[in-house]
């Protein structure tokens, strides 16, 4: 059971102390990446995801659909987020994209 009083960690996901606290929680079933929109921050978040996920973990990446063929009326995301996902997550055969809903993309760890 998730208890916000016990499991809520406040801080930046790029902070080494915060990363260590997150890793100590173990493996996650669902991870939502949303925050800093700078390329290096997103890369850092994706690399952390790789450490705290296992087969069948779902990863939702906010603001990551710039290169998707969506209607011109949809907000597709931020280019640095999209480039980080393209460069790292899309090129990792441990993850497969299973869904795109607007500017959110959902990946599943398959190995």
Protein backbone atom coordinates (compact mmCIF):
# COMPACT_ATOMS: atom_id res chain seq x y z
CA UNK A 1 0.00 0.00 0.00
CA UNK A 2 1.32 3.44 -0.94
CA UNK A 3 1.45 5.92 1.91
CA UNK A 4 2.42 9.50 0.96
CA UNK A 5 3.68 10.14 4.49
CA UNK A 6 6.24 7.35 4.09
CA UNK A 7 7.05 7.35 0.37
CA UNK A 8 7.00 10.99 -0.70
CA UNK A 9 10.48 12.29 -1.49
CA UNK A 10 10.82 16.01 -2.13
CA UNK A 11 13.72 17.19 -4.24
CA UNK A 12 15.29 17.12 -7.67
CA UNK A 13 15.68 13.75 -9.37
CA UNK A 14 19.15 14.84 -10.51
CA UNK A 15 20.34 15.36 -6.91
CA UNK A 16 22.58 12.44 -5.87
CA UNK A 17 21.06 12.21 -2.39
CA UNK A 18 17.55 12.12 -3.83
CA UNK A 19 18.56 9.44 -6.34
CA UNK A 20 19.90 7.28 -3.52
CA UNK A 21 16.68 7.68 -1.53
CA UNK A 22 14.66 6.67 -4.60
CA UNK A 23 16.87 3.63 -5.26
CA UNK A 24 16.45 2.47 -1.65
CA UNK A 25 12.69 2.19 -2.23
CA UNK A 26 13.37 -0.69 -4.61
CA UNK A 27 11.80 -1.54 -7.95
CA UNK A 28 8.78 0.40 -9.20
CA UNK A 29 5.84 -0.92 -11.23
CA UNK A 30 4.95 2.50 -12.68
CA UNK A 31 7.18 5.53 -13.15
CA UNK A 32 6.04 8.93 -14.40
CA UNK A 33 8.75 11.26 -15.72
CA UNK A 34 7.72 14.90 -15.60
CA UNK A 35 9.79 17.82 -14.45
CA UNK A 36 12.85 19.45 -15.86
CA UNK A 37 12.59 19.80 -19.63
CA UNK A 38 16.33 20.12 -20.27
CA UNK A 39 17.91 17.34 -22.31
CA UNK A 40 20.51 16.37 -19.68
CA UNK A 41 17.89 16.27 -16.89
CA UNK A 42 15.67 13.97 -18.91
CA UNK A 43 18.64 11.72 -19.73
CA UNK A 44 19.40 11.59 -16.00
CA UNK A 45 15.78 10.66 -15.23
CA UNK A 46 15.75 7.93 -17.89
CA UNK A 47 19.00 6.49 -16.55
CA UNK A 48 17.51 6.44 -13.06
CA UNK A 49 14.43 4.68 -14.44
CA UNK A 50 16.67 1.95 -15.81
CA UNK A 51 18.01 1.36 -12.29
CA UNK A 52 14.65 1.28 -10.49
CA UNK A 53 12.63 -0.72 -13.02
CA UNK A 54 12.29 -4.35 -13.92
CA UNK A 55 10.47 -6.38 -16.56
CA UNK A 56 6.84 -5.22 -16.79
CA UNK A 57 7.52 -1.77 -15.31
CA UNK A 58 5.57 0.94 -17.12
CA UNK A 59 7.21 4.30 -17.78
CA UNK A 60 5.15 7.35 -18.73
CA UNK A 61 7.12 10.24 -20.19
CA UNK A 62 5.33 13.58 -20.19
CA UNK A 63 5.87 16.13 -22.99
CA UNK A 64 7.57 13.57 -25.27
CA UNK A 65 5.54 13.35 -28.50
CA UNK A 66 7.20 15.95 -30.74
CA UNK A 67 8.04 13.39 -33.41
CA UNK A 68 4.65 11.68 -33.37
CA UNK A 69 2.16 12.22 -36.17
CA UNK A 70 -0.45 14.02 -34.09
CA UNK A 71 -3.00 16.63 -35.05
CA UNK A 72 -1.56 20.13 -35.32
CA UNK A 73 -3.91 21.17 -32.52
CA UNK A 74 -2.29 18.93 -29.94
CA UNK A 75 0.53 20.07 -27.70
CA UNK A 76 3.26 17.55 -28.50
CA UNK A 77 5.79 18.37 -25.81
CA UNK A 78 9.20 19.93 -25.41
CA UNK A 79 11.96 19.27 -27.93
CA UNK A 80 14.65 18.43 -25.34
CA UNK A 81 12.37 15.84 -23.74
CA UNK A 82 11.54 14.38 -27.14
CA UNK A 83 15.19 14.23 -28.18
CA UNK A 84 16.22 12.53 -24.93
CA UNK A 85 13.50 9.90 -25.35
CA UNK A 86 14.48 9.40 -28.99
CA UNK A 87 18.19 9.16 -28.22
CA UNK A 88 18.03 6.92 -25.16
CA UNK A 89 14.71 5.22 -24.45
CA UNK A 90 13.74 4.47 -28.06
CA UNK A 91 17.20 2.98 -28.69
CA UNK A 92 17.09 0.69 -25.66
CA UNK A 93 15.67 -2.68 -26.69
CA UNK A 94 14.72 -3.30 -23.05
CA UNK A 95 11.80 -0.90 -23.54
CA UNK A 96 8.95 -0.87 -26.03
CA UNK A 97 6.44 1.90 -26.59
CA UNK A 98 2.92 0.65 -25.97
CA UNK A 99 0.82 3.81 -26.07
CA UNK A 100 0.84 7.48 -26.96
CA UNK A 101 -1.84 9.77 -25.57
CA UNK A 102 -1.30 13.35 -26.65
CA UNK A 103 2.02 14.54 -25.28
CA UNK A 104 2.38 11.49 -23.00
CA UNK A 105 4.10 8.32 -24.18
CA UNK A 106 3.99 5.02 -22.31
CA UNK A 107 6.80 2.49 -22.48
CA UNK A 108 7.03 -0.97 -20.96
CA UNK A 109 10.23 -2.65 -19.86
CA UNK A 110 10.32 -6.02 -21.60
CA UNK A 111 13.74 -7.33 -20.60
